[in-house]
């Protein structure tokens, strides 16, 4: 085939040029949309709105008799004492991993209900982490708390 090999070389060369030009774009880090913690007020929900949102994570037959925890200025607190051992709450974005780009997004809220064994394990961990983050926010870095956690996010061992 005359010219077939030449066309192959030209199209192969064009492909290599396009991939080479795009290569630097691939390696660039994009700036995290929420690099630091927003003001605490942006994470808080009115208590009367947070309780039904938390209960929406499970059927009424479970959530009506569950403990309901809401986020306050000092961390999670029990708003409604239940009797079935379940705990319902609204997770905030920081329940995600510290390397999650949305970990400080004040708009993310996820209702969740834990059964008794899961509540015994998860609620103290989440409530403890939240309390520490809020204390750091209030007493040390203020709205720049994300600077402390950004170091952990940016550290990538080889």
N, C-alpha and C. Protein backbone atom coordinates (compact mmCIF):
# COMPACT_ATOMS: atom_id res chain seq x y z
N UNK A 1 0.83 -1.18 0.00
CA UNK A 1 0.00 0.00 0.00
C UNK A 1 0.88 1.25 0.00
N UNK A 2 0.90 1.96 -1.07
CA UNK A 2 1.69 3.18 -1.09
C UNK A 2 1.05 4.25 -0.22
N UNK A 3 1.88 4.91 0.58
CA UNK A 3 1.41 5.99 1.44
C UNK A 3 0.78 5.52 2.74
N UNK A 4 0.48 4.24 2.90
CA UNK A 4 -0.15 3.74 4.12
C UNK A 4 0.74 3.89 5.32
N UNK A 5 2.03 3.56 5.14
CA UNK A 5 2.97 3.67 6.25
C UNK A 5 3.20 5.13 6.63
N UNK A 6 3.24 6.01 5.62
CA UNK A 6 3.44 7.44 5.87
C UNK A 6 2.29 8.03 6.67
N UNK A 7 1.07 7.64 6.31
CA UNK A 7 -0.10 8.13 7.07
C UNK A 7 -0.07 7.62 8.51
N UNK A 8 0.37 6.38 8.68
CA UNK A 8 0.48 5.81 10.02
C UNK A 8 1.47 6.60 10.86
N UNK A 9 2.63 6.94 10.24
CA UNK A 9 3.66 7.69 10.97
C UNK A 9 3.16 9.09 11.34
N UNK A 10 2.46 9.74 10.43
CA UNK A 10 1.94 11.09 10.71
C UNK A 10 0.90 11.04 11.82
N UNK A 11 -0.04 10.10 11.74
CA UNK A 11 -1.07 10.02 12.78
C UNK A 11 -0.47 9.58 14.11
N UNK A 12 0.52 8.70 14.08
CA UNK A 12 1.19 8.28 15.32
C UNK A 12 1.93 9.46 15.94
N UNK A 13 2.61 10.24 15.08
CA UNK A 13 3.32 11.41 15.57
C UNK A 13 2.35 12.42 16.19
N UNK A 14 1.22 12.64 15.55
CA UNK A 14 0.21 13.57 16.07
C UNK A 14 -0.32 13.09 17.42
N UNK A 15 -0.53 11.80 17.56
CA UNK A 15 -1.00 11.25 18.82
C UNK A 15 0.03 11.46 19.92
N UNK A 16 1.29 11.21 19.62
CA UNK A 16 2.37 11.41 20.61
C UNK A 16 2.44 12.87 21.02
N UNK A 17 2.32 13.79 20.05
CA UNK A 17 2.38 15.22 20.36
C UNK A 17 1.22 15.61 21.28
N UNK A 18 0.02 15.12 21.00
CA UNK A 18 -1.14 15.45 21.83
C UNK A 18 -0.98 14.90 23.24
N UNK A 19 -0.53 13.66 23.37
CA UNK A 19 -0.36 13.07 24.70
C UNK A 19 0.75 13.76 25.47
N UNK A 20 1.81 14.13 24.79
CA UNK A 20 2.92 14.83 25.44
C UNK A 20 2.48 16.20 25.92
N UNK A 21 1.69 16.89 25.13
CA UNK A 21 1.21 18.22 25.51
C UNK A 21 0.27 18.13 26.72
N UNK A 22 -0.49 17.07 26.81
CA UNK A 22 -1.45 16.92 27.91
C UNK A 22 -0.79 16.39 29.18
N UNK A 23 0.39 15.80 29.08
CA UNK A 23 1.05 15.18 30.23
C UNK A 23 1.25 16.13 31.40
N UNK A 24 1.77 17.37 31.20
CA UNK A 24 1.95 18.27 32.35
C UNK A 24 0.64 18.59 33.06
N UNK A 25 -0.46 18.64 32.35
CA UNK A 25 -1.75 18.93 32.97
C UNK A 25 -2.17 17.82 33.91
N UNK A 26 -1.82 16.61 33.59
CA UNK A 26 -2.20 15.46 34.39
C UNK A 26 -1.55 15.49 35.76
N UNK A 27 -0.32 15.95 35.84
CA UNK A 27 0.42 15.91 37.08
C UNK A 27 0.17 17.08 38.01
N UNK A 28 -0.51 18.10 37.56
CA UNK A 28 -0.73 19.27 38.40
C UNK A 28 -1.82 19.00 39.42
N UNK A 29 -1.55 19.39 40.64
CA UNK A 29 -2.56 19.25 41.69
C UNK A 29 -3.58 20.37 41.56
N UNK A 30 -4.82 20.01 41.68
CA UNK A 30 -5.84 21.05 41.70
C UNK A 30 -6.03 21.50 43.14
N UNK A 31 -6.34 22.74 43.33
CA UNK A 31 -6.53 23.28 44.67
C UNK A 31 -7.79 22.68 45.29
N UNK A 32 -7.68 22.27 46.53
CA UNK A 32 -8.83 21.70 47.23
C UNK A 32 -9.93 22.76 47.31
N UNK A 33 -11.17 22.38 47.02
CA UNK A 33 -12.25 23.37 47.06
C UNK A 33 -12.52 23.89 48.47
N UNK A 34 -12.20 23.11 49.47
CA UNK A 34 -12.40 23.51 50.87
C UNK A 34 -11.11 23.22 51.64
N UNK A 35 -10.09 24.08 51.50
CA UNK A 35 -8.79 23.78 52.09
C UNK A 35 -8.74 23.95 53.61
N UNK A 36 -9.71 24.64 54.19
CA UNK A 36 -9.69 24.82 55.64
C UNK A 36 -11.13 24.84 56.16
N UNK A 37 -11.23 24.74 57.47
CA UNK A 37 -12.54 24.70 58.10
C UNK A 37 -13.22 26.05 57.98
N UNK A 38 -14.49 26.01 57.65
CA UNK A 38 -15.30 27.24 57.59
C UNK A 38 -15.66 27.65 59.01
N UNK A 39 -16.34 28.76 59.16
CA UNK A 39 -16.77 29.17 60.49
C UNK A 39 -17.75 28.12 61.04
N UNK A 40 -17.73 27.93 62.33
CA UNK A 40 -18.55 26.91 62.97
C UNK A 40 -20.02 27.08 62.64
N UNK A 41 -20.49 28.30 62.57
CA UNK A 41 -21.91 28.55 62.28
C UNK A 41 -22.36 27.92 60.97
N UNK A 42 -21.45 27.78 60.02
CA UNK A 42 -21.83 27.19 58.73
C UNK A 42 -22.10 25.68 58.84
N UNK A 43 -21.55 25.03 59.87
CA UNK A 43 -21.76 23.60 60.06
C UNK A 43 -22.98 23.30 60.93
N UNK A 44 -23.41 24.28 61.70
CA UNK A 44 -24.53 24.07 62.61
C UNK A 44 -25.86 24.17 61.89
N UNK A 45 -26.81 23.37 62.38
CA UNK A 45 -28.18 23.39 61.87
C UNK A 45 -29.06 23.69 63.07
N UNK A 46 -30.17 24.36 62.84
CA UNK A 46 -31.11 24.59 63.93
C UNK A 46 -31.51 23.23 64.52
N UNK A 47 -31.50 23.14 65.82
CA UNK A 47 -31.75 21.88 66.52
C UNK A 47 -33.06 21.22 66.09
N UNK A 48 -34.12 22.01 65.94
CA UNK A 48 -35.42 21.46 65.54
C UNK A 48 -35.42 20.94 64.11
N UNK A 49 -34.46 21.35 63.30
CA UNK A 49 -34.34 20.83 61.94
C UNK A 49 -33.39 19.62 61.90
N UNK A 50 -32.41 19.60 62.78
CA UNK A 50 -31.43 18.51 62.78
C UNK A 50 -32.03 17.20 63.31
N UNK A 51 -32.91 17.28 64.26
CA UNK A 51 -33.50 16.06 64.83
C UNK A 51 -34.26 15.26 63.77
N UNK A 52 -35.19 15.85 63.01
CA UNK A 52 -35.86 15.05 61.98
C UNK A 52 -34.92 14.61 60.86
N UNK A 53 -33.91 15.42 60.56
CA UNK A 53 -32.94 15.01 59.54
C UNK A 53 -32.18 13.76 60.00
N UNK A 54 -31.77 13.74 61.25
CA UNK A 54 -31.08 12.56 61.79
C UNK A 54 -32.00 11.34 61.78
N UNK A 55 -33.23 11.53 62.16
CA UNK A 55 -34.19 10.41 62.20
C UNK A 55 -34.53 9.88 60.81
N UNK A 56 -34.30 10.69 59.78
CA UNK A 56 -34.61 10.26 58.42
C UNK A 56 -33.68 9.15 57.93
N UNK A 57 -32.65 8.84 58.67
CA UNK A 57 -31.70 7.80 58.26
C UNK A 57 -32.23 6.39 58.49
N UNK A 58 -33.30 6.25 59.22
CA UNK A 58 -33.84 4.91 59.51
C UNK A 58 -35.37 4.99 59.46
N UNK A 59 -36.01 3.84 59.31
CA UNK A 59 -37.48 3.83 59.36
C UNK A 59 -37.98 4.35 60.71
N UNK A 60 -39.15 4.90 60.70
CA UNK A 60 -39.73 5.47 61.93
C UNK A 60 -39.81 4.45 63.05
N UNK A 61 -40.02 3.17 62.69
CA UNK A 61 -40.12 2.13 63.72
C UNK A 61 -38.81 2.01 64.52
N UNK A 62 -37.71 2.44 63.94
CA UNK A 62 -36.41 2.42 64.64
C UNK A 62 -36.08 3.80 65.17
N UNK A 63 -36.15 4.81 64.31
CA UNK A 63 -35.65 6.14 64.68
C UNK A 63 -36.52 6.85 65.72
N UNK A 64 -37.81 6.51 65.82
CA UNK A 64 -38.66 7.16 66.83
C UNK A 64 -38.24 6.81 68.25
N UNK A 65 -37.61 5.65 68.44
CA UNK A 65 -37.17 5.23 69.77
C UNK A 65 -35.65 5.29 69.93
N UNK A 66 -34.95 5.94 68.99
CA UNK A 66 -33.49 6.01 69.03
C UNK A 66 -33.03 7.28 69.75
N UNK A 67 -31.81 7.21 70.30
CA UNK A 67 -31.17 8.44 70.76
C UNK A 67 -30.92 9.29 69.53
N UNK A 68 -31.04 10.61 69.67
CA UNK A 68 -30.70 11.52 68.58
C UNK A 68 -29.65 12.48 69.11
N UNK A 69 -28.54 12.52 68.39
CA UNK A 69 -27.45 13.43 68.76
C UNK A 69 -27.39 14.55 67.73
N UNK A 70 -27.18 15.77 68.20
CA UNK A 70 -27.07 16.93 67.33
C UNK A 70 -25.74 17.63 67.59
N UNK A 71 -25.27 18.35 66.59
CA UNK A 71 -24.02 19.07 66.74
C UNK A 71 -24.27 20.41 67.41
N UNK A 72 -23.54 20.64 68.48
CA UNK A 72 -23.59 21.92 69.19
C UNK A 72 -22.24 22.60 69.09
N UNK A 73 -22.07 23.68 69.77
CA UNK A 73 -20.83 24.45 69.72
C UNK A 73 -19.64 23.72 70.32
N UNK A 74 -19.88 22.71 71.13
CA UNK A 74 -18.78 21.97 71.77
C UNK A 74 -18.70 20.53 71.31
N UNK A 75 -19.46 20.18 70.30
CA UNK A 75 -19.45 18.81 69.79
C UNK A 75 -20.86 18.24 69.76
N UNK A 76 -20.91 16.92 69.55
CA UNK A 76 -22.22 16.26 69.51
C UNK A 76 -22.78 16.10 70.92
N UNK A 77 -24.08 16.33 71.05
CA UNK A 77 -24.76 16.17 72.33
C UNK A 77 -26.08 15.46 72.10
N UNK A 78 -26.54 14.76 73.12
CA UNK A 78 -27.80 14.03 73.01
C UNK A 78 -28.96 15.02 73.11
N UNK A 79 -29.77 15.05 72.06
CA UNK A 79 -30.94 15.94 72.03
C UNK A 79 -32.19 15.18 72.45
N UNK A 80 -32.25 13.89 72.10
CA UNK A 80 -33.39 13.06 72.45
C UNK A 80 -32.85 11.75 72.98
N UNK A 81 -33.31 11.35 74.16
CA UNK A 81 -32.89 10.07 74.74
C UNK A 81 -33.87 9.00 74.28
N UNK A 82 -33.34 7.96 73.65
CA UNK A 82 -34.18 6.88 73.15
C UNK A 82 -34.20 5.69 74.09
N UNK A 83 -34.83 4.59 73.62
CA UNK A 83 -34.92 3.40 74.48
C UNK A 83 -34.61 2.10 73.75
N UNK A 84 -34.20 2.18 72.46
CA UNK A 84 -33.93 0.94 71.74
C UNK A 84 -32.44 0.68 71.47
N UNK A 85 -31.56 1.56 71.91
CA UNK A 85 -30.13 1.35 71.73
C UNK A 85 -29.57 1.92 70.43
N UNK A 86 -30.44 2.33 69.51
CA UNK A 86 -29.97 2.94 68.26
C UNK A 86 -29.60 4.40 68.52
N UNK A 87 -28.69 4.90 67.72
CA UNK A 87 -28.30 6.31 67.80
C UNK A 87 -28.35 6.90 66.39
N UNK A 88 -29.10 7.98 66.23
CA UNK A 88 -29.20 8.68 64.95
C UNK A 88 -28.53 10.04 65.09
N UNK A 89 -27.83 10.44 64.05
CA UNK A 89 -27.13 11.72 64.05
C UNK A 89 -26.91 12.16 62.61
N UNK A 90 -26.47 13.38 62.44
CA UNK A 90 -26.15 13.89 61.11
C UNK A 90 -24.65 14.08 61.06
N UNK A 91 -24.02 13.30 60.19
CA UNK A 91 -22.58 13.44 59.99
C UNK A 91 -22.31 14.72 59.23
N UNK A 92 -21.22 15.36 59.56
CA UNK A 92 -20.74 16.50 58.79
C UNK A 92 -19.60 16.01 57.89
N UNK A 93 -19.14 16.89 57.06
CA UNK A 93 -18.14 16.50 56.06
C UNK A 93 -16.87 15.95 56.67
N UNK A 94 -16.53 16.35 57.88
CA UNK A 94 -15.28 15.86 58.47
C UNK A 94 -15.35 14.40 58.91
N UNK A 95 -16.51 13.77 58.78
CA UNK A 95 -16.59 12.33 59.03
C UNK A 95 -15.86 11.55 57.94
N UNK A 96 -15.64 12.22 56.80
CA UNK A 96 -14.86 11.60 55.72
C UNK A 96 -13.39 11.60 56.13
N UNK A 97 -12.58 10.94 55.38
CA UNK A 97 -11.15 10.91 55.66
C UNK A 97 -10.53 12.29 55.52
N UNK A 98 -9.40 12.49 56.19
CA UNK A 98 -8.75 13.79 56.13
C UNK A 98 -8.16 14.09 54.76
N UNK A 99 -8.05 13.06 53.91
CA UNK A 99 -7.54 13.30 52.56
C UNK A 99 -8.67 13.54 51.56
N UNK A 100 -9.89 13.54 52.02
CA UNK A 100 -11.03 13.79 51.14
C UNK A 100 -11.08 15.28 50.81
N UNK A 101 -11.16 15.66 49.53
CA UNK A 101 -11.17 17.09 49.19
C UNK A 101 -12.37 17.85 49.75
N UNK A 102 -13.43 17.15 50.11
CA UNK A 102 -14.61 17.81 50.67
C UNK A 102 -14.68 17.71 52.19
N UNK A 103 -13.57 17.37 52.84
CA UNK A 103 -13.65 17.13 54.28
C UNK A 103 -13.98 18.38 55.10
N UNK A 104 -13.90 19.56 54.53
CA UNK A 104 -14.30 20.78 55.25
C UNK A 104 -15.51 21.44 54.61
N UNK A 105 -16.19 20.75 53.71
CA UNK A 105 -17.35 21.32 53.02
C UNK A 105 -18.50 21.49 54.01
N UNK A 106 -18.89 22.72 54.33
CA UNK A 106 -19.95 22.92 55.33
C UNK A 106 -21.34 22.55 54.82
N UNK A 107 -21.47 22.29 53.53
CA UNK A 107 -22.78 21.95 52.96
C UNK A 107 -23.09 20.46 53.01
N UNK A 108 -22.08 19.64 53.24
CA UNK A 108 -22.30 18.20 53.25
C UNK A 108 -22.84 17.76 54.60
N UNK A 109 -23.96 17.05 54.54
CA UNK A 109 -24.59 16.51 55.75
C UNK A 109 -25.17 15.16 55.39
N UNK A 110 -24.93 14.18 56.25
CA UNK A 110 -25.42 12.83 55.97
C UNK A 110 -26.06 12.24 57.22
N UNK A 111 -27.37 12.04 57.20
CA UNK A 111 -28.01 11.40 58.35
C UNK A 111 -27.62 9.93 58.42
N UNK A 112 -27.39 9.45 59.62
CA UNK A 112 -27.00 8.06 59.83
C UNK A 112 -27.57 7.58 61.15
N UNK A 113 -27.97 6.30 61.18
CA UNK A 113 -28.42 5.67 62.42
C UNK A 113 -27.57 4.42 62.64
N UNK A 114 -27.11 4.24 63.85
CA UNK A 114 -26.31 3.08 64.21
C UNK A 114 -27.11 2.17 65.12
N UNK A 115 -26.99 0.85 64.89
CA UNK A 115 -27.58 -0.08 65.85
C UNK A 115 -26.70 -0.09 67.10
N UNK A 116 -27.09 -0.82 68.12
CA UNK A 116 -26.39 -0.76 69.41
C UNK A 116 -24.90 -1.07 69.31
N UNK A 117 -24.49 -2.21 68.70
CA UNK A 117 -23.05 -2.47 68.63
C UNK A 117 -22.30 -1.42 67.81
N UNK A 118 -22.88 -0.99 66.70
CA UNK A 118 -22.22 0.03 65.87
C UNK A 118 -22.15 1.36 66.61
N UNK A 119 -23.17 1.70 67.36
CA UNK A 119 -23.18 2.95 68.12
C UNK A 119 -22.10 2.94 69.19
N UNK A 120 -21.93 1.81 69.86
CA UNK A 120 -20.89 1.72 70.91
C UNK A 120 -19.50 1.98 70.35
N UNK A 121 -19.29 1.57 69.10
CA UNK A 121 -17.97 1.74 68.48
C UNK A 121 -17.84 3.10 67.79
N UNK A 122 -18.80 3.46 66.94
CA UNK A 122 -18.67 4.63 66.07
C UNK A 122 -18.95 5.96 66.74
N UNK A 123 -19.95 6.02 67.60
CA UNK A 123 -20.33 7.32 68.17
C UNK A 123 -19.20 7.92 69.01
N UNK A 124 -18.54 7.17 69.90
CA UNK A 124 -17.43 7.79 70.64
C UNK A 124 -16.28 8.26 69.73
N UNK A 125 -16.01 7.50 68.67
CA UNK A 125 -14.94 7.91 67.76
C UNK A 125 -15.29 9.20 67.04
N UNK A 126 -16.47 9.25 66.48
CA UNK A 126 -16.87 10.44 65.73
C UNK A 126 -17.04 11.64 66.65
N UNK A 127 -17.69 11.42 67.78
CA UNK A 127 -17.90 12.53 68.73
C UNK A 127 -16.56 13.04 69.26
N UNK A 128 -15.64 12.13 69.53
CA UNK A 128 -14.31 12.52 70.02
C UNK A 128 -13.53 13.30 68.98
N UNK A 129 -13.55 12.82 67.75
CA UNK A 129 -12.85 13.53 66.68
C UNK A 129 -13.45 14.92 66.48
N UNK A 130 -14.76 15.00 66.50
CA UNK A 130 -15.44 16.28 66.34
C UNK A 130 -15.06 17.24 67.47
N UNK A 131 -15.04 16.74 68.69
CA UNK A 131 -14.71 17.59 69.84
C UNK A 131 -13.29 18.14 69.73
N UNK A 132 -12.36 17.28 69.33
CA UNK A 132 -10.97 17.72 69.17
C UNK A 132 -10.87 18.79 68.09
N UNK A 133 -11.52 18.56 66.96
CA UNK A 133 -11.46 19.53 65.87
C UNK A 133 -12.08 20.87 66.28
N UNK A 134 -13.18 20.82 67.01
CA UNK A 134 -13.81 22.07 67.45
C UNK A 134 -12.95 22.78 68.49
N UNK A 135 -12.30 22.04 69.36
CA UNK A 135 -11.41 22.67 70.34
C UNK A 135 -10.22 23.32 69.65
N UNK A 136 -9.64 22.63 68.68
CA UNK A 136 -8.55 23.23 67.92
C UNK A 136 -9.02 24.48 67.20
N UNK A 137 -10.20 24.40 66.64
CA UNK A 137 -10.76 25.54 65.92
C UNK A 137 -10.91 26.74 66.85
N UNK A 138 -11.48 26.50 68.03
CA UNK A 138 -11.76 27.59 68.96
C UNK A 138 -10.51 28.15 69.61
N UNK A 139 -9.63 27.29 70.07
CA UNK A 139 -8.55 27.74 70.95
C UNK A 139 -7.21 27.97 70.28
N UNK A 140 -7.00 27.44 69.10
CA UNK A 140 -5.67 27.60 68.53
C UNK A 140 -5.67 28.33 67.20
N UNK A 141 -6.36 27.80 66.24
CA UNK A 141 -6.18 28.30 64.90
C UNK A 141 -7.38 29.06 64.36
N UNK A 142 -8.51 29.01 65.04
CA UNK A 142 -9.69 29.67 64.51
C UNK A 142 -10.05 29.10 63.16
N UNK A 143 -10.49 29.93 62.23
CA UNK A 143 -10.92 29.42 60.93
C UNK A 143 -9.79 28.81 60.11
N UNK A 144 -8.55 28.97 60.54
CA UNK A 144 -7.43 28.42 59.79
C UNK A 144 -7.09 27.00 60.25
N UNK A 145 -8.01 26.34 60.91
CA UNK A 145 -7.78 24.98 61.37
C UNK A 145 -7.35 24.08 60.22
N UNK A 146 -7.86 24.33 59.05
CA UNK A 146 -7.52 23.52 57.89
C UNK A 146 -6.03 23.50 57.63
N UNK A 147 -5.30 24.54 58.05
CA UNK A 147 -3.87 24.56 57.86
C UNK A 147 -3.23 23.38 58.57
N UNK A 148 -3.70 23.09 59.77
CA UNK A 148 -3.18 21.97 60.54
C UNK A 148 -3.44 20.65 59.82
N UNK A 149 -4.66 20.48 59.32
CA UNK A 149 -5.01 19.24 58.65
C UNK A 149 -4.52 19.20 57.21
N UNK A 150 -4.29 20.36 56.59
CA UNK A 150 -3.79 20.37 55.22
C UNK A 150 -2.41 19.73 55.15
N UNK A 151 -1.62 19.90 56.21
CA UNK A 151 -0.32 19.25 56.23
C UNK A 151 -0.50 17.75 56.13
N UNK A 152 -1.45 17.22 56.89
CA UNK A 152 -1.68 15.78 56.84
C UNK A 152 -2.21 15.36 55.48
N UNK A 153 -3.04 16.19 54.85
CA UNK A 153 -3.57 15.86 53.54
C UNK A 153 -2.47 15.87 52.48
N UNK A 154 -1.54 16.83 52.59
CA UNK A 154 -0.54 16.98 51.55
C UNK A 154 0.60 15.98 51.71
N UNK A 155 0.73 15.38 52.88
CA UNK A 155 1.81 14.42 53.10
C UNK A 155 1.47 13.11 52.42
N UNK A 156 2.23 12.77 51.46
CA UNK A 156 2.05 11.53 50.71
C UNK A 156 3.37 10.76 50.73
N UNK A 157 3.48 9.74 51.58
CA UNK A 157 4.74 8.99 51.60
C UNK A 157 4.97 8.29 50.26
N UNK A 158 6.22 8.22 49.87
CA UNK A 158 6.55 7.55 48.59
C UNK A 158 6.52 6.07 48.71
